[in-house]
């Protein structure tokens, strides 16, 4: 087995903590959870509401995937973290689902949490596999 490689993606948002955007080993790519921050201005206020924050998070994940020469078609597993689970679960699901082709939803776990970095309502991470 080879050693993992660690990747920082130039067009992706600046990290809010000490981590790489992605780690890869043996064709498996693990994407760090993304926040609803803006890649071009990390000091900009977060989008308002779960739908807008979910869109920003998914768009940020797509930037990381693109930087790894991957797409959402390569994603096999997702974890979503929501701070206001009862209130925001349906809205997050509706927005999240719109990013995938029908019948091509990755395996997923969704977890209610008491807080996330930068005061976000949602964070999502992914695992992808190279063809």
N, C-alpha and C. Protein backbone atom coordinates (compact mmCIF):
# COMPACT_ATOMS: atom_id res chain seq x y z
N UNK A 1 0.85 -1.17 0.00
CA UNK A 1 0.00 0.00 0.00
C UNK A 1 0.90 1.24 0.00
N UNK A 2 0.51 2.24 -0.77
CA UNK A 2 1.27 3.48 -0.85
C UNK A 2 0.93 4.40 0.32
N UNK A 3 1.74 5.42 0.48
CA UNK A 3 1.46 6.44 1.49
C UNK A 3 0.44 7.43 0.93
N UNK A 4 -0.36 8.05 1.79
CA UNK A 4 -1.34 9.02 1.28
C UNK A 4 -0.65 10.29 0.77
N UNK A 5 -1.34 10.96 -0.14
CA UNK A 5 -0.91 12.28 -0.59
C UNK A 5 -1.96 13.29 -0.12
N UNK A 6 -1.51 14.50 0.13
CA UNK A 6 -2.37 15.53 0.69
C UNK A 6 -2.40 16.70 -0.28
N UNK A 7 -3.61 17.26 -0.49
CA UNK A 7 -3.80 18.25 -1.55
C UNK A 7 -4.46 19.52 -1.04
N UNK A 8 -3.90 20.64 -1.46
CA UNK A 8 -4.53 21.95 -1.28
C UNK A 8 -4.93 22.43 -2.67
N UNK A 9 -6.17 22.85 -2.82
CA UNK A 9 -6.71 23.25 -4.11
C UNK A 9 -6.76 24.78 -4.18
N UNK A 10 -6.06 25.35 -5.15
CA UNK A 10 -5.91 26.81 -5.23
C UNK A 10 -7.25 27.54 -5.30
N UNK A 11 -8.22 27.00 -6.02
CA UNK A 11 -9.50 27.70 -6.21
C UNK A 11 -10.52 27.43 -5.10
N UNK A 12 -10.21 26.53 -4.19
CA UNK A 12 -11.13 26.19 -3.11
C UNK A 12 -11.02 27.22 -1.98
N UNK A 13 -12.00 27.24 -1.08
CA UNK A 13 -11.95 28.18 0.04
C UNK A 13 -10.73 27.97 0.93
N UNK A 14 -10.28 29.03 1.56
CA UNK A 14 -9.20 28.92 2.52
C UNK A 14 -9.67 28.07 3.70
N UNK A 15 -8.85 27.17 4.19
CA UNK A 15 -9.23 26.35 5.34
C UNK A 15 -9.52 27.21 6.58
N UNK A 16 -10.51 26.77 7.37
CA UNK A 16 -10.83 27.47 8.62
C UNK A 16 -10.14 26.80 9.81
N UNK A 17 -9.33 25.78 9.53
CA UNK A 17 -8.60 25.03 10.56
C UNK A 17 -7.40 24.38 9.88
N UNK A 18 -6.52 23.71 10.63
CA UNK A 18 -5.35 23.07 10.01
C UNK A 18 -5.71 21.74 9.34
N UNK A 19 -5.92 21.76 8.02
CA UNK A 19 -6.22 20.55 7.27
C UNK A 19 -5.91 20.75 5.80
N UNK A 20 -5.85 19.65 5.07
CA UNK A 20 -5.75 19.67 3.61
C UNK A 20 -7.16 19.62 3.05
N UNK A 21 -7.35 20.13 1.83
CA UNK A 21 -8.66 20.03 1.20
C UNK A 21 -9.03 18.57 0.91
N UNK A 22 -8.01 17.76 0.60
CA UNK A 22 -8.26 16.36 0.27
C UNK A 22 -7.03 15.53 0.59
N UNK A 23 -7.27 14.28 0.91
CA UNK A 23 -6.21 13.29 1.08
C UNK A 23 -6.56 12.12 0.17
N UNK A 24 -5.53 11.51 -0.41
CA UNK A 24 -5.77 10.44 -1.37
C UNK A 24 -4.83 9.27 -1.11
N UNK A 25 -5.40 8.08 -1.21
CA UNK A 25 -4.60 6.87 -1.11
C UNK A 25 -5.27 5.76 -1.92
N UNK A 26 -4.49 5.12 -2.77
CA UNK A 26 -4.95 3.97 -3.54
C UNK A 26 -6.26 4.23 -4.29
N UNK A 27 -6.39 5.41 -4.88
CA UNK A 27 -7.57 5.73 -5.67
C UNK A 27 -8.75 6.27 -4.88
N UNK A 28 -8.64 6.26 -3.56
CA UNK A 28 -9.69 6.81 -2.70
C UNK A 28 -9.34 8.25 -2.37
N UNK A 29 -10.29 9.15 -2.50
CA UNK A 29 -10.08 10.56 -2.22
C UNK A 29 -11.06 10.99 -1.13
N UNK A 30 -10.50 11.51 -0.05
CA UNK A 30 -11.28 11.94 1.12
C UNK A 30 -11.28 13.46 1.15
N UNK A 31 -12.46 14.06 0.97
CA UNK A 31 -12.58 15.51 0.96
C UNK A 31 -12.94 16.00 2.36
N UNK A 32 -12.18 16.97 2.84
CA UNK A 32 -12.47 17.59 4.12
C UNK A 32 -13.82 18.28 4.05
N UNK A 33 -14.54 18.27 5.15
CA UNK A 33 -15.81 18.96 5.21
C UNK A 33 -15.66 20.42 4.83
N UNK A 34 -16.54 20.89 3.97
CA UNK A 34 -16.51 22.28 3.54
C UNK A 34 -17.58 23.09 4.27
N UNK A 35 -17.23 24.34 4.49
CA UNK A 35 -18.12 25.29 5.14
C UNK A 35 -18.75 26.17 4.07
N UNK A 36 -19.78 26.93 4.41
CA UNK A 36 -20.42 27.82 3.42
C UNK A 36 -19.70 29.16 3.29
N UNK A 37 -18.37 29.11 3.23
CA UNK A 37 -17.58 30.32 3.04
C UNK A 37 -17.33 30.53 1.56
N UNK A 38 -16.98 31.75 1.20
CA UNK A 38 -16.74 32.10 -0.19
C UNK A 38 -15.26 31.96 -0.52
N UNK A 39 -14.94 31.26 -1.61
CA UNK A 39 -13.53 31.05 -1.96
C UNK A 39 -12.76 32.35 -2.17
N UNK A 40 -13.41 33.35 -2.74
CA UNK A 40 -12.72 34.59 -3.07
C UNK A 40 -12.68 35.59 -1.91
N UNK A 41 -13.45 35.36 -0.85
CA UNK A 41 -13.48 36.30 0.28
C UNK A 41 -13.91 35.57 1.55
N UNK A 42 -12.95 34.99 2.28
CA UNK A 42 -13.31 34.23 3.47
C UNK A 42 -13.88 35.08 4.60
N UNK A 43 -13.77 36.41 4.50
CA UNK A 43 -14.32 37.27 5.55
C UNK A 43 -15.76 37.70 5.24
N UNK A 44 -16.24 37.39 4.06
CA UNK A 44 -17.61 37.74 3.67
C UNK A 44 -18.61 36.98 4.55
N UNK A 45 -19.71 37.65 4.89
CA UNK A 45 -20.75 37.01 5.71
C UNK A 45 -21.26 35.75 5.02
N UNK A 46 -21.58 34.74 5.83
CA UNK A 46 -22.11 33.49 5.28
C UNK A 46 -23.47 33.74 4.63
N UNK A 47 -23.83 32.93 3.63
CA UNK A 47 -25.17 33.04 3.06
C UNK A 47 -26.22 32.81 4.15
N UNK A 48 -27.38 33.40 3.99
CA UNK A 48 -28.45 33.24 4.99
C UNK A 48 -29.32 32.05 4.64
N UNK A 49 -29.61 31.23 5.64
CA UNK A 49 -30.54 30.12 5.48
C UNK A 49 -29.87 28.84 5.06
N UNK A 50 -30.53 27.74 5.37
CA UNK A 50 -29.95 26.41 5.12
C UNK A 50 -29.81 26.13 3.63
N UNK A 51 -30.76 26.55 2.81
CA UNK A 51 -30.67 26.27 1.38
C UNK A 51 -29.46 26.97 0.78
N UNK A 52 -29.28 28.25 1.07
CA UNK A 52 -28.15 29.01 0.52
C UNK A 52 -26.83 28.48 1.05
N UNK A 53 -26.78 28.11 2.33
CA UNK A 53 -25.54 27.57 2.88
C UNK A 53 -25.24 26.20 2.29
N UNK A 54 -26.24 25.37 2.08
CA UNK A 54 -26.02 24.06 1.46
C UNK A 54 -25.49 24.22 0.04
N UNK A 55 -26.05 25.16 -0.72
CA UNK A 55 -25.56 25.42 -2.08
C UNK A 55 -24.09 25.84 -2.05
N UNK A 56 -23.74 26.74 -1.14
CA UNK A 56 -22.35 27.21 -1.06
C UNK A 56 -21.42 26.06 -0.69
N UNK A 57 -21.82 25.22 0.26
CA UNK A 57 -21.01 24.07 0.67
C UNK A 57 -20.83 23.11 -0.51
N UNK A 58 -21.91 22.79 -1.21
CA UNK A 58 -21.80 21.87 -2.34
C UNK A 58 -20.94 22.47 -3.45
N UNK A 59 -21.09 23.76 -3.72
CA UNK A 59 -20.26 24.40 -4.73
C UNK A 59 -18.79 24.38 -4.32
N UNK A 60 -18.51 24.54 -3.03
CA UNK A 60 -17.13 24.45 -2.54
C UNK A 60 -16.58 23.03 -2.71
N UNK A 61 -17.39 22.04 -2.42
CA UNK A 61 -16.96 20.65 -2.61
C UNK A 61 -16.68 20.37 -4.09
N UNK A 62 -17.49 20.91 -4.96
CA UNK A 62 -17.27 20.74 -6.40
C UNK A 62 -15.94 21.35 -6.81
N UNK A 63 -15.58 22.49 -6.23
CA UNK A 63 -14.27 23.10 -6.51
C UNK A 63 -13.13 22.17 -6.10
N UNK A 64 -13.26 21.53 -4.95
CA UNK A 64 -12.23 20.60 -4.50
C UNK A 64 -12.19 19.38 -5.43
N UNK A 65 -13.36 18.83 -5.75
CA UNK A 65 -13.40 17.70 -6.68
C UNK A 65 -12.75 18.06 -8.02
N UNK A 66 -13.11 19.23 -8.55
CA UNK A 66 -12.53 19.68 -9.82
C UNK A 66 -11.01 19.78 -9.72
N UNK A 67 -10.52 20.30 -8.61
CA UNK A 67 -9.08 20.40 -8.41
C UNK A 67 -8.39 19.05 -8.34
N UNK A 68 -9.15 18.02 -8.06
CA UNK A 68 -8.64 16.64 -8.01
C UNK A 68 -8.97 15.89 -9.30
N UNK A 69 -9.48 16.59 -10.31
CA UNK A 69 -9.91 15.98 -11.58
C UNK A 69 -11.00 14.94 -11.38
N UNK A 70 -11.94 15.28 -10.50
CA UNK A 70 -13.08 14.42 -10.21
C UNK A 70 -14.36 15.24 -10.32
N UNK A 71 -15.51 14.54 -10.28
CA UNK A 71 -16.82 15.20 -10.27
C UNK A 71 -17.69 14.53 -9.22
N UNK A 72 -18.90 15.03 -9.08
CA UNK A 72 -19.84 14.39 -8.16
C UNK A 72 -20.14 12.95 -8.56
N UNK A 73 -19.93 12.60 -9.83
CA UNK A 73 -20.14 11.22 -10.27
C UNK A 73 -19.18 10.25 -9.58
N UNK A 74 -18.05 10.75 -9.09
CA UNK A 74 -17.06 9.90 -8.41
C UNK A 74 -17.34 9.72 -6.92
N UNK A 75 -18.29 10.48 -6.39
CA UNK A 75 -18.55 10.46 -4.95
C UNK A 75 -19.33 9.21 -4.58
N UNK A 76 -18.84 8.50 -3.55
CA UNK A 76 -19.50 7.28 -3.11
C UNK A 76 -20.13 7.40 -1.72
N UNK A 77 -19.64 8.36 -0.92
CA UNK A 77 -20.14 8.49 0.44
C UNK A 77 -20.07 9.94 0.89
N UNK A 78 -21.07 10.36 1.66
CA UNK A 78 -21.19 11.74 2.14
C UNK A 78 -21.59 11.72 3.61
N UNK A 79 -21.04 12.69 4.35
CA UNK A 79 -21.53 12.96 5.71
C UNK A 79 -21.93 14.42 5.77
N UNK A 80 -23.13 14.67 6.27
CA UNK A 80 -23.63 16.04 6.43
C UNK A 80 -23.86 16.29 7.91
N UNK A 81 -23.49 17.48 8.35
CA UNK A 81 -23.63 17.89 9.74
C UNK A 81 -24.51 19.14 9.76
N UNK A 82 -25.55 19.13 10.57
CA UNK A 82 -26.51 20.23 10.61
C UNK A 82 -26.69 20.67 12.07
N UNK A 83 -26.64 22.00 12.30
CA UNK A 83 -26.77 22.49 13.67
C UNK A 83 -28.23 22.57 14.14
N UNK A 84 -29.15 22.83 13.24
CA UNK A 84 -30.58 22.92 13.58
C UNK A 84 -31.32 21.81 12.84
N UNK A 85 -31.12 20.58 13.32
CA UNK A 85 -31.54 19.40 12.59
C UNK A 85 -33.04 19.40 12.27
N UNK A 86 -33.87 19.55 13.28
CA UNK A 86 -35.33 19.49 13.05
C UNK A 86 -35.79 20.58 12.08
N UNK A 87 -35.27 21.76 12.24
CA UNK A 87 -35.68 22.89 11.40
C UNK A 87 -35.15 22.78 9.97
N UNK A 88 -33.90 22.34 9.80
CA UNK A 88 -33.22 22.48 8.51
C UNK A 88 -33.03 21.20 7.71
N UNK A 89 -33.40 20.05 8.27
CA UNK A 89 -33.15 18.78 7.58
C UNK A 89 -33.81 18.72 6.20
N UNK A 90 -35.08 19.09 6.11
CA UNK A 90 -35.79 19.00 4.83
C UNK A 90 -35.20 19.96 3.80
N UNK A 91 -34.91 21.19 4.21
CA UNK A 91 -34.34 22.17 3.28
C UNK A 91 -32.96 21.77 2.79
N UNK A 92 -32.15 21.24 3.70
CA UNK A 92 -30.82 20.77 3.30
C UNK A 92 -30.97 19.63 2.30
N UNK A 93 -31.85 18.68 2.59
CA UNK A 93 -32.03 17.53 1.69
C UNK A 93 -32.48 17.96 0.29
N UNK A 94 -33.42 18.89 0.22
CA UNK A 94 -33.92 19.33 -1.08
C UNK A 94 -32.80 19.96 -1.91
N UNK A 95 -32.01 20.82 -1.28
CA UNK A 95 -30.92 21.47 -1.99
C UNK A 95 -29.83 20.46 -2.35
N UNK A 96 -29.43 19.64 -1.40
CA UNK A 96 -28.39 18.62 -1.60
C UNK A 96 -28.76 17.70 -2.77
N UNK A 97 -29.98 17.20 -2.77
CA UNK A 97 -30.43 16.25 -3.78
C UNK A 97 -30.37 16.84 -5.19
N UNK A 98 -30.57 18.15 -5.31
CA UNK A 98 -30.59 18.79 -6.63
C UNK A 98 -29.23 18.72 -7.32
N UNK A 99 -28.17 18.40 -6.61
CA UNK A 99 -26.83 18.33 -7.20
C UNK A 99 -26.52 16.97 -7.85
N UNK A 100 -27.38 16.00 -7.65
CA UNK A 100 -27.10 14.65 -8.14
C UNK A 100 -28.15 14.22 -9.15
N UNK A 101 -27.72 13.37 -10.08
CA UNK A 101 -28.65 12.78 -11.04
C UNK A 101 -29.60 11.84 -10.31
N UNK A 102 -30.86 11.76 -10.75
CA UNK A 102 -31.78 10.82 -10.11
C UNK A 102 -31.22 9.39 -10.12
N UNK A 103 -31.36 8.72 -9.01
CA UNK A 103 -30.88 7.34 -8.90
C UNK A 103 -29.38 7.23 -8.69
N UNK A 104 -28.66 8.36 -8.52
CA UNK A 104 -27.21 8.34 -8.35
C UNK A 104 -26.80 9.06 -7.07
N UNK A 105 -27.54 8.82 -6.00
CA UNK A 105 -27.22 9.44 -4.72
C UNK A 105 -26.18 8.59 -3.98
N UNK A 106 -25.11 9.22 -3.50
CA UNK A 106 -24.11 8.48 -2.72
C UNK A 106 -24.70 7.98 -1.40
N UNK A 107 -24.05 6.99 -0.81
CA UNK A 107 -24.40 6.60 0.56
C UNK A 107 -24.20 7.85 1.43
N UNK A 108 -25.02 7.99 2.50
CA UNK A 108 -24.92 9.23 3.27
C UNK A 108 -25.32 9.02 4.72
N UNK A 109 -24.65 9.74 5.59
CA UNK A 109 -25.02 9.86 6.99
C UNK A 109 -25.26 11.33 7.26
N UNK A 110 -26.31 11.65 8.01
CA UNK A 110 -26.61 13.03 8.36
C UNK A 110 -26.69 13.11 9.88
N UNK A 111 -25.95 14.06 10.44
CA UNK A 111 -25.77 14.12 11.89
C UNK A 111 -26.16 15.50 12.40
N UNK A 112 -26.95 15.54 13.45
CA UNK A 112 -27.25 16.80 14.14
C UNK A 112 -26.14 17.10 15.12
N UNK A 113 -25.63 18.33 15.09
CA UNK A 113 -24.53 18.74 15.96
C UNK A 113 -24.90 20.03 16.70
N UNK A 114 -24.15 20.31 17.75
CA UNK A 114 -24.45 21.51 18.55
C UNK A 114 -23.78 22.76 18.01
N UNK A 115 -22.79 22.62 17.14
CA UNK A 115 -22.14 23.78 16.58
C UNK A 115 -21.15 23.40 15.51
N UNK A 116 -20.88 24.34 14.61
CA UNK A 116 -19.90 24.15 13.54
C UNK A 116 -19.01 25.39 13.47
N UNK A 117 -17.85 25.23 12.87
CA UNK A 117 -16.92 26.35 12.70
C UNK A 117 -17.60 27.49 11.94
N UNK A 118 -17.14 28.66 12.17
CA UNK A 118 -17.59 29.93 11.56
C UNK A 118 -19.09 30.18 11.71
N UNK A 119 -19.74 29.50 12.64
CA UNK A 119 -21.17 29.70 12.86
C UNK A 119 -22.06 29.15 11.76
N UNK A 120 -21.54 28.18 11.00
CA UNK A 120 -22.28 27.61 9.87
C UNK A 120 -23.46 26.77 10.35
N UNK A 121 -24.46 26.67 9.49
CA UNK A 121 -25.60 25.80 9.74
C UNK A 121 -25.36 24.38 9.23
N UNK A 122 -24.44 24.22 8.26
CA UNK A 122 -24.20 22.93 7.62
C UNK A 122 -22.73 22.79 7.23
N UNK A 123 -22.24 21.58 7.32
CA UNK A 123 -20.92 21.20 6.81
C UNK A 123 -21.09 19.83 6.16
N UNK A 124 -20.42 19.62 5.05
CA UNK A 124 -20.53 18.34 4.34
C UNK A 124 -19.14 17.89 3.92
N UNK A 125 -18.84 16.60 4.15
CA UNK A 125 -17.60 16.02 3.64
C UNK A 125 -17.95 14.86 2.70
N UNK A 126 -16.96 14.40 1.95
CA UNK A 126 -17.21 13.37 0.94
C UNK A 126 -16.04 12.41 0.82
N UNK A 127 -16.36 11.23 0.31
CA UNK A 127 -15.36 10.25 -0.10
C UNK A 127 -15.64 9.92 -1.57
N UNK A 128 -14.60 9.99 -2.37
CA UNK A 128 -14.74 9.71 -3.80
C UNK A 128 -13.75 8.61 -4.20
N UNK A 129 -13.99 8.03 -5.34
CA UNK A 129 -13.12 6.97 -5.85
C UNK A 129 -12.77 7.28 -7.30
N UNK A 130 -11.49 7.18 -7.59
CA UNK A 130 -11.06 7.35 -8.98
C UNK A 130 -11.49 6.14 -9.81
N UNK A 131 -11.81 6.37 -11.10
CA UNK A 131 -12.19 5.23 -11.96
C UNK A 131 -11.02 4.29 -12.20
